[in-house]
Amino acid sequence: MKPKPVIHRLGCALGMLCLAGGNFAQAEARLEVIEFPSQVLRNNPLRDPVTRRVAIFVPDQFTNHAALPVVYYLPGYGSASDQFIKDATAWTRFTQKLAEQVTPVLFVVVDGRNRWGGSQYLNSPAQGNYADYVCDEIVSVVEARYFITTNPPQRIIAGHSSGGFGALRLGMLRPKLFAGVVALSPDSDFPLSHLPLVQVPAVSRVPLVAIKACMAAEMTRPLPTDGDLTYALGLSAAYAATGHRHPGEFEWLYDAKGQFRAKVWERWLDNDPLTMVRRGGGGGGGGGGVFVVGAAQDSFQANVGARKIYEVLHERPARCAFYEPPGGHGDHLPERLARGLAWVFHRPLLEIK
C-alpha cells in the first residue's frame, strides 16, 4: 500500500513587489512540506532515514483547478530540502517573482543526502536507489496531489553542483519523464574537477584497511574528519559500488600499496555527464532543451565541463544553451536558475534578485 504523505503548510506574504515592468498587486506564495516514508530507500545499506521531507513552493497563481509545470530541484552536495524550508521566505519570494516575471511553476526541492553527505542522485548498492526515489516516488507523490500541465515543457529537472550532475544524468536516463534540464555548475569533466580531489594526500595516502573500516557493515566507525576524504568516499559509493552481493561496499581508487587503480577510475568516468554526452547521451531535455551554467570564477572549474557539454550538444539537432556569468561556484543561484528556466520556457528574462 502506498504510504500517505503528511502535509504541512506555511504561508509567506510578499507585500508589494516593485519589479521591472511596473508594480504588482500583493501576491502570496506558500510552502507546503510533504513527508512520507520511501519504499525504495527502505533497508538501504547505509541505514539512512527513509522518511524525508519534500519542500514544495506554490505560487499564488495555483488553485485546486489549475495545472502548472513542475520544477524538481536537486540541491548540491550536503544540502537538502531542510535548508530551503529554513529559508522559506527567500524561496517563496523567488517562486512568486518567477511566476510574475517568467511563468508560474511548482518549485519542488528534494532531500538526497546520505551517510557521506550526498548520493549524487544515483542508484547504487553501496548507498541506495536515489534515482528511483526522485523519479518514481517523489514525482508520483507530488503529482498525485497537484495537477500539472499537459503542455510541454511540463516537468523540469534542475540542480546545482552535485544536483546539476544529477539533473543532467536523470535527464539523460529518463528523457520521457523530464522535458527540460537546467544544470547549474554541474559536476562534470572529472579529470579536471574530480581527479585533483582524489590526489590530495588526505585522500590518496589513507591506508586501504582504514577505508574498508569506514564502509564496514556495522558502520560503527565515525566519519572521517577530513572533508575531502568524506567527499571522496561518498563519490566512490555513488560511482564504484562493489555489487549487490556486498551492500554498502565500494571499490577504492587506491590499492593496498597506495597505487592508483585506473580500472576503478574508469568507473568514475563512466558516470561523468561529459563522458555520457560524448557517447551519445542527449542530456534529456525533450522540447524544453538543456541549459547549462558555469560561473567564470568557479573554484572547481565546473564552467569548463559545462561549456564542453554544451559544445557537444550544440553539434546535434538539440536545443541547448550555455551561460557563463561572473562569480564563483555557488554565487547568485536564484538568478542563474531563473535565467535557465526562462530559457526553457521560451520567456524573456527580467532580472530576478
Protein backbone atom coordinates (compact mmCIF):
# COMPACT_ATOMS: atom_id res chain seq x y z
CA MET A 1 0.00 0.00 0.00
CA LYS A 2 1.33 3.44 -0.91
CA PRO A 3 2.09 5.49 2.22
CA LYS A 4 0.03 8.58 2.82
CA PRO A 5 2.17 11.70 2.81
CA VAL A 6 1.99 14.09 5.74
CA ILE A 7 1.49 17.65 4.52
CA HIS A 8 2.45 20.83 6.35
CA ARG A 9 1.63 24.31 5.09
CA LEU A 10 3.46 27.58 5.58
CA GLY A 11 2.35 30.87 4.10
CA CYS A 12 4.56 33.80 3.15
CA ALA A 13 3.02 37.16 2.34
CA LEU A 14 5.27 39.08 -0.01
CA GLY A 15 3.74 42.55 0.11
CA MET A 16 4.13 44.98 -2.78
CA LEU A 17 6.74 43.83 -5.26
CA CYS A 18 8.37 46.59 -7.23
CA LEU A 19 9.77 44.72 -10.22
CA ALA A 20 10.93 45.62 -13.68
CA GLY A 21 7.89 46.36 -15.74
CA GLY A 22 5.85 48.02 -13.00
CA ASN A 23 4.26 47.42 -9.62
CA PHE A 24 2.30 44.24 -9.00
CA ALA A 25 -0.52 43.86 -6.52
CA GLN A 26 0.09 41.94 -3.35
CA ALA A 27 0.79 38.29 -4.09
CA GLU A 28 1.30 35.39 -1.76
CA ALA A 29 3.32 32.26 -2.33
CA ARG A 30 3.36 29.44 0.18
CA LEU A 31 5.46 26.50 1.22
CA GLU A 32 3.94 23.06 1.61
CA VAL A 33 6.03 20.23 3.04
CA ILE A 34 5.24 16.63 2.18
CA GLU A 35 6.75 13.95 4.39
CA PHE A 36 6.49 10.27 3.53
CA PRO A 37 8.42 7.02 4.06
CA SER A 38 10.22 5.89 0.92
CA GLN A 39 9.79 2.33 -0.23
CA VAL A 40 12.86 2.28 -2.49
CA LEU A 41 15.13 3.60 0.28
CA ARG A 42 13.85 1.06 2.77
CA ASN A 43 16.67 -1.17 4.01
CA ASN A 44 19.28 1.00 2.32
CA PRO A 45 22.78 -0.28 3.17
CA LEU A 46 23.85 2.93 4.94
CA ARG A 47 20.80 2.87 7.25
CA ASP A 48 19.93 6.40 6.23
CA PRO A 49 16.45 7.75 7.02
CA VAL A 50 13.66 6.54 4.78
CA THR A 51 11.21 9.26 5.85
CA ARG A 52 12.22 12.60 4.36
CA ARG A 53 10.72 15.98 3.65
CA VAL A 54 9.95 17.36 0.21
CA ALA A 55 9.58 21.15 0.02
CA ILE A 56 7.00 22.45 -2.46
CA PHE A 57 6.88 26.18 -3.14
CA VAL A 58 3.48 27.08 -4.56
CA PRO A 59 2.85 30.40 -6.37
CA ASP A 60 -0.25 32.48 -5.85
CA GLN A 61 -1.44 31.51 -9.34
CA PHE A 62 -2.01 27.90 -8.29
CA THR A 63 -5.53 26.79 -7.41
CA ASN A 64 -7.08 23.37 -7.00
CA HIS A 65 -8.20 23.54 -10.61
CA ALA A 66 -5.01 25.00 -12.06
CA ALA A 67 -2.43 22.98 -13.94
CA LEU A 68 1.14 24.21 -13.71
CA PRO A 69 4.57 22.98 -14.83
CA VAL A 70 6.76 21.46 -12.12
CA VAL A 71 10.44 22.14 -11.46
CA TYR A 72 12.17 19.39 -9.47
CA TYR A 73 15.28 20.87 -7.88
CA LEU A 74 18.27 18.83 -6.66
CA PRO A 75 20.44 20.72 -4.13
CA GLY A 76 24.23 20.44 -4.09
CA TYR A 77 26.30 18.03 -2.02
CA GLY A 78 25.40 18.21 1.67
CA SER A 79 22.37 20.41 1.06
CA ALA A 80 18.74 19.35 1.01
CA SER A 81 15.13 20.46 1.31
CA ASP A 82 15.65 21.30 5.00
CA GLN A 83 17.79 24.31 4.12
CA PHE A 84 15.13 25.57 1.72
CA ILE A 85 12.43 25.09 4.35
CA LYS A 86 14.53 27.03 6.85
CA ASP A 87 14.98 29.82 4.30
CA ALA A 88 11.35 29.66 3.20
CA THR A 89 10.84 33.41 2.94
CA ALA A 90 13.54 33.79 0.30
CA TRP A 91 12.35 30.84 -1.76
CA THR A 92 8.65 31.69 -1.61
CA ARG A 93 9.66 35.16 -2.78
CA PHE A 94 11.69 33.61 -5.59
CA THR A 95 8.78 31.37 -6.61
CA GLN A 96 6.36 34.28 -6.76
CA LYS A 97 8.75 36.50 -8.71
CA LEU A 98 9.34 33.64 -11.11
CA ALA A 99 5.59 33.36 -11.57
CA GLU A 100 5.23 37.06 -12.29
CA GLN A 101 8.27 37.52 -14.49
CA VAL A 102 8.72 34.18 -16.25
CA THR A 103 5.89 31.66 -15.68
CA PRO A 104 4.11 30.12 -12.68
CA VAL A 105 5.63 26.78 -11.63
CA LEU A 106 5.54 24.44 -8.68
CA PHE A 107 9.09 24.50 -7.29
CA VAL A 108 9.89 21.17 -5.62
CA VAL A 109 13.09 20.59 -3.59
CA VAL A 110 14.19 17.10 -2.58
CA ASP A 111 16.49 15.52 0.02
CA GLY A 112 19.13 13.22 -1.47
CA ARG A 113 21.59 13.16 1.42
CA ASN A 114 23.17 10.01 2.79
CA ARG A 115 25.76 8.97 5.39
CA TRP A 116 28.57 10.52 3.34
CA GLY A 117 26.73 13.79 2.70
CA GLY A 118 25.24 13.30 -0.74
CA SER A 119 24.08 10.49 -3.01
CA GLN A 120 24.73 12.16 -6.39
CA TYR A 121 21.08 11.14 -7.00
CA LEU A 122 22.21 7.75 -8.34
CA ASN A 123 21.11 4.18 -7.82
CA SER A 124 23.94 2.26 -6.18
CA PRO A 125 24.08 -0.87 -3.99
CA ALA A 126 26.68 0.98 -1.94
CA GLN A 127 24.19 3.65 -0.86
CA GLY A 128 20.61 3.11 -2.09
CA ASN A 129 18.39 3.87 -5.07
CA TYR A 130 18.21 7.66 -5.07
CA ALA A 131 17.46 8.00 -8.79
CA ASP A 132 14.35 5.86 -8.32
CA TYR A 133 13.48 7.82 -5.17
CA VAL A 134 13.40 11.07 -7.16
CA CYS A 135 11.95 9.84 -10.44
CA ASP A 136 9.43 7.28 -9.25
CA GLU A 137 8.43 8.18 -5.72
CA ILE A 138 8.74 11.94 -5.38
CA VAL A 139 7.29 12.64 -8.83
CA SER A 140 4.43 10.24 -8.10
CA VAL A 141 3.63 11.66 -4.66
CA VAL A 142 3.80 15.30 -5.78
CA GLU A 143 1.77 14.83 -8.92
CA ALA A 144 -0.88 12.78 -7.16
CA ARG A 145 -1.62 15.94 -5.18
CA TYR A 146 -1.08 18.72 -7.73
CA PHE A 147 -2.32 18.99 -11.28
CA ILE A 148 0.47 19.55 -13.78
CA THR A 149 0.05 20.96 -17.24
CA THR A 150 -0.12 18.65 -20.23
CA ASN A 151 1.63 21.21 -22.42
CA PRO A 152 5.39 20.69 -22.69
CA PRO A 153 7.66 21.52 -21.10
CA GLN A 154 5.61 20.38 -18.13
CA ARG A 155 8.24 18.70 -15.95
CA ILE A 156 11.74 20.20 -15.50
CA ILE A 157 14.70 18.73 -13.63
CA ALA A 158 17.19 21.27 -12.26
CA GLY A 159 20.03 21.35 -9.76
CA HIS A 160 23.29 22.87 -8.61
CA SER A 161 26.75 21.27 -8.40
CA SER A 162 26.13 17.62 -7.47
CA GLY A 163 22.48 18.43 -8.09
CA GLY A 164 23.37 19.77 -11.53
CA PHE A 165 25.17 16.48 -12.15
CA GLY A 166 22.02 14.66 -11.04
CA ALA A 167 19.80 16.80 -13.26
CA LEU A 168 21.91 16.06 -16.33
CA ARG A 169 22.07 12.32 -15.63
CA LEU A 170 18.39 11.92 -14.79
CA GLY A 171 17.54 13.98 -17.86
CA MET A 172 19.57 11.55 -19.96
CA LEU A 173 18.30 8.40 -18.28
CA ARG A 174 14.65 9.48 -18.09
CA PRO A 175 14.10 11.62 -21.23
CA LYS A 176 10.40 10.79 -21.36
CA LEU A 177 9.93 11.91 -17.77
CA PHE A 178 11.68 15.29 -17.87
CA ALA A 179 11.01 17.77 -20.65
CA GLY A 180 13.82 20.17 -19.76
CA VAL A 181 17.09 20.36 -17.82
CA VAL A 182 18.75 23.27 -16.01
CA ALA A 183 22.19 22.34 -14.68
CA LEU A 184 23.96 24.97 -12.56
CA SER A 185 27.73 24.38 -12.22
CA PRO A 186 27.28 20.62 -12.65
CA ASP A 187 29.93 18.11 -11.61
CA SER A 188 31.47 17.08 -14.94
CA ASP A 189 34.77 16.67 -16.78
CA PHE A 190 36.06 14.51 -13.93
CA PRO A 191 39.74 14.58 -14.94
CA LEU A 192 39.60 18.31 -14.32
CA SER A 193 37.12 18.55 -11.43
CA HIS A 194 37.42 15.25 -9.51
CA LEU A 195 40.90 13.89 -10.15
CA PRO A 196 42.70 16.69 -8.26
CA LEU A 197 40.44 16.00 -5.27
CA VAL A 198 41.30 12.31 -5.02
CA GLN A 199 45.02 13.01 -5.45
CA VAL A 200 45.42 15.17 -2.34
CA PRO A 201 47.37 13.41 0.45
CA ALA A 202 44.39 13.38 2.81
CA VAL A 203 42.67 11.06 0.29
CA SER A 204 45.44 9.24 -1.58
CA ARG A 205 47.54 8.28 1.44
CA VAL A 206 44.83 6.77 3.62
CA PRO A 207 45.55 3.05 4.14
CA LEU A 208 43.13 0.75 2.38
CA VAL A 209 42.34 -1.00 5.65
CA ALA A 210 41.11 2.31 7.09
CA ILE A 211 38.94 2.90 4.03
CA LYS A 212 37.37 -0.54 4.36
CA ALA A 213 36.70 0.09 8.05
CA CYS A 214 34.72 3.21 7.09
CA MET A 215 32.37 1.16 4.92
CA ALA A 216 32.08 -1.84 7.23
CA ALA A 217 28.60 -3.25 7.52
CA GLU A 218 28.38 -2.31 11.18
CA MET A 219 29.27 1.33 10.39
CA THR A 220 30.39 1.89 13.96
CA ARG A 221 33.45 3.85 12.88
CA PRO A 222 32.91 7.65 12.97
CA LEU A 223 33.02 9.58 9.72
CA PRO A 224 36.44 10.95 8.79
CA THR A 225 37.04 14.49 9.97
CA ASP A 226 38.66 15.49 6.68
CA GLY A 227 36.06 16.89 4.30
CA ASP A 228 37.92 15.90 1.12
CA LEU A 229 38.16 12.30 2.29
CA THR A 230 34.49 12.10 3.24
CA TYR A 231 33.53 13.58 -0.12
CA ALA A 232 35.74 11.08 -1.96
CA LEU A 233 34.14 8.23 -0.01
CA GLY A 234 30.68 9.48 -0.96
CA LEU A 235 31.60 9.75 -4.63
CA SER A 236 33.08 6.25 -4.53
CA ALA A 237 29.84 4.89 -3.08
CA ALA A 238 27.97 6.51 -5.95
CA TYR A 239 30.31 5.58 -8.81
CA ALA A 240 32.12 2.37 -7.86
CA ALA A 241 29.87 0.06 -5.85
CA THR A 242 31.24 -3.45 -5.33
CA GLY A 243 27.89 -5.00 -6.20
CA HIS A 244 24.58 -6.20 -4.81
CA ARG A 245 26.25 -9.11 -3.01
CA HIS A 246 28.23 -6.60 -0.94
CA PRO A 247 25.78 -3.84 0.01
CA GLY A 248 27.37 -0.67 1.31
CA GLU A 249 30.79 -1.52 -0.12
CA PHE A 250 32.67 0.12 -2.98
CA GLU A 251 35.98 -0.07 -4.78
CA TRP A 252 38.59 2.43 -3.64
CA LEU A 253 40.79 4.31 -6.10
CA TYR A 254 43.99 3.13 -4.40
CA ASP A 255 45.17 -0.40 -3.69
CA ALA A 256 46.84 -1.70 -0.54
CA LYS A 257 50.20 -0.39 -1.81
CA GLY A 258 48.82 3.08 -2.44
CA GLN A 259 48.85 2.66 -6.23
CA PHE A 260 46.18 4.41 -8.27
CA ARG A 261 43.68 1.95 -9.79
CA ALA A 262 42.96 3.00 -13.36
CA LYS A 263 40.11 0.50 -13.78
CA VAL A 264 38.24 1.99 -10.81
CA TRP A 265 38.82 5.48 -12.20
CA GLU A 266 37.23 4.30 -15.47
CA ARG A 267 34.09 3.50 -13.47
CA TRP A 268 34.07 7.10 -12.25
CA LEU A 269 34.47 8.35 -15.82
CA ASP A 270 31.54 6.20 -16.96
CA ASN A 271 29.35 8.34 -14.68
CA ASP A 272 30.76 11.67 -15.89
CA PRO A 273 27.99 13.60 -17.72
CA LEU A 274 30.57 14.77 -20.26
CA THR A 275 31.51 11.16 -21.00
CA MET A 276 27.86 10.21 -21.31
CA VAL A 277 27.09 13.09 -23.66
CA ARG A 278 30.12 12.29 -25.81
CA ARG A 279 28.93 8.69 -26.07
CA GLY A 280 25.62 9.84 -27.47
CA GLY A 281 23.55 10.77 -24.44
CA GLY A 282 21.36 13.74 -25.22
CA GLY A 283 21.27 15.21 -21.75
CA GLY A 284 17.48 14.81 -21.76
CA GLY A 285 15.52 17.93 -22.25
CA GLY A 286 12.85 16.93 -24.74
CA GLY A 287 11.22 20.05 -26.12
CA GLY A 288 12.48 22.18 -23.24
CA GLY A 289 16.13 21.59 -24.00
CA VAL A 290 19.26 21.63 -21.85
CA PHE A 291 20.56 24.81 -20.21
CA VAL A 292 23.99 24.56 -18.56
CA VAL A 293 25.59 27.24 -16.40
CA GLY A 294 29.24 27.55 -15.43
CA ALA A 295 30.45 30.51 -13.39
CA ALA A 296 33.58 32.19 -14.76
CA GLN A 297 35.44 32.11 -11.42
CA ASP A 298 34.32 28.62 -10.40
CA SER A 299 36.91 27.22 -7.97
CA PHE A 300 36.06 23.68 -9.14
CA GLN A 301 36.27 24.68 -12.82
CA ALA A 302 32.73 23.42 -13.37
CA ASN A 303 32.41 26.08 -16.06
CA VAL A 304 34.89 24.19 -18.24
CA GLY A 305 32.92 20.95 -18.12
CA ALA A 306 29.63 22.81 -18.61
CA ARG A 307 30.98 24.52 -21.70
CA LYS A 308 32.25 21.21 -23.13
CA ILE A 309 28.84 19.59 -22.59
CA TYR A 310 27.20 22.47 -24.43
CA GLU A 311 29.69 22.24 -27.30
CA VAL A 312 28.94 18.55 -27.79
CA LEU A 313 25.17 19.06 -27.64
CA HIS A 314 25.36 22.11 -29.89
CA GLU A 315 26.69 19.92 -32.71
CA ARG A 316 23.49 17.88 -32.61
CA PRO A 317 19.95 18.78 -33.58
CA ALA A 318 19.13 19.52 -29.95
CA ARG A 319 18.02 22.67 -28.16
CA CYS A 320 20.76 23.71 -25.75
CA ALA A 321 22.34 26.82 -24.26
CA PHE A 322 25.37 27.75 -22.15
CA TYR A 323 25.64 30.70 -19.78
CA GLU A 324 28.90 31.77 -18.10
CA PRO A 325 28.16 34.52 -15.57
CA PRO A 326 30.77 36.20 -13.39
CA GLY A 327 31.21 34.91 -9.86
CA GLY A 328 32.01 31.70 -8.04
CA HIS A 329 30.61 28.18 -7.86
CA GLY A 330 27.62 28.92 -5.62
CA ASP A 331 27.04 32.63 -6.24
CA HIS A 332 23.67 34.07 -7.26
CA LEU A 333 21.94 30.71 -7.67
CA PRO A 334 18.37 32.10 -7.78
CA GLU A 335 19.24 34.48 -10.62
CA ARG A 336 21.05 31.75 -12.56
CA LEU A 337 18.19 29.33 -12.03
CA ALA A 338 15.65 31.93 -13.14
CA ARG A 339 17.63 32.60 -16.31
CA GLY A 340 17.72 28.90 -17.13
CA LEU A 341 14.01 28.43 -16.51
CA ALA A 342 13.17 31.47 -18.63
CA TRP A 343 15.15 29.91 -21.48
CA VAL A 344 13.46 26.52 -21.05
CA PHE A 345 10.03 28.15 -21.15
CA HIS A 346 10.91 30.41 -24.10
CA ARG A 347 10.38 33.54 -22.00
CA PRO A 348 12.36 36.79 -21.86
CA LEU A 349 14.17 37.25 -18.56
CA LEU A 350 13.78 40.22 -16.29
CA GLU A 351 16.46 40.12 -13.62
CA ILE A 352 15.23 38.25 -10.55
CA LYS A 353 17.17 39.05 -7.39
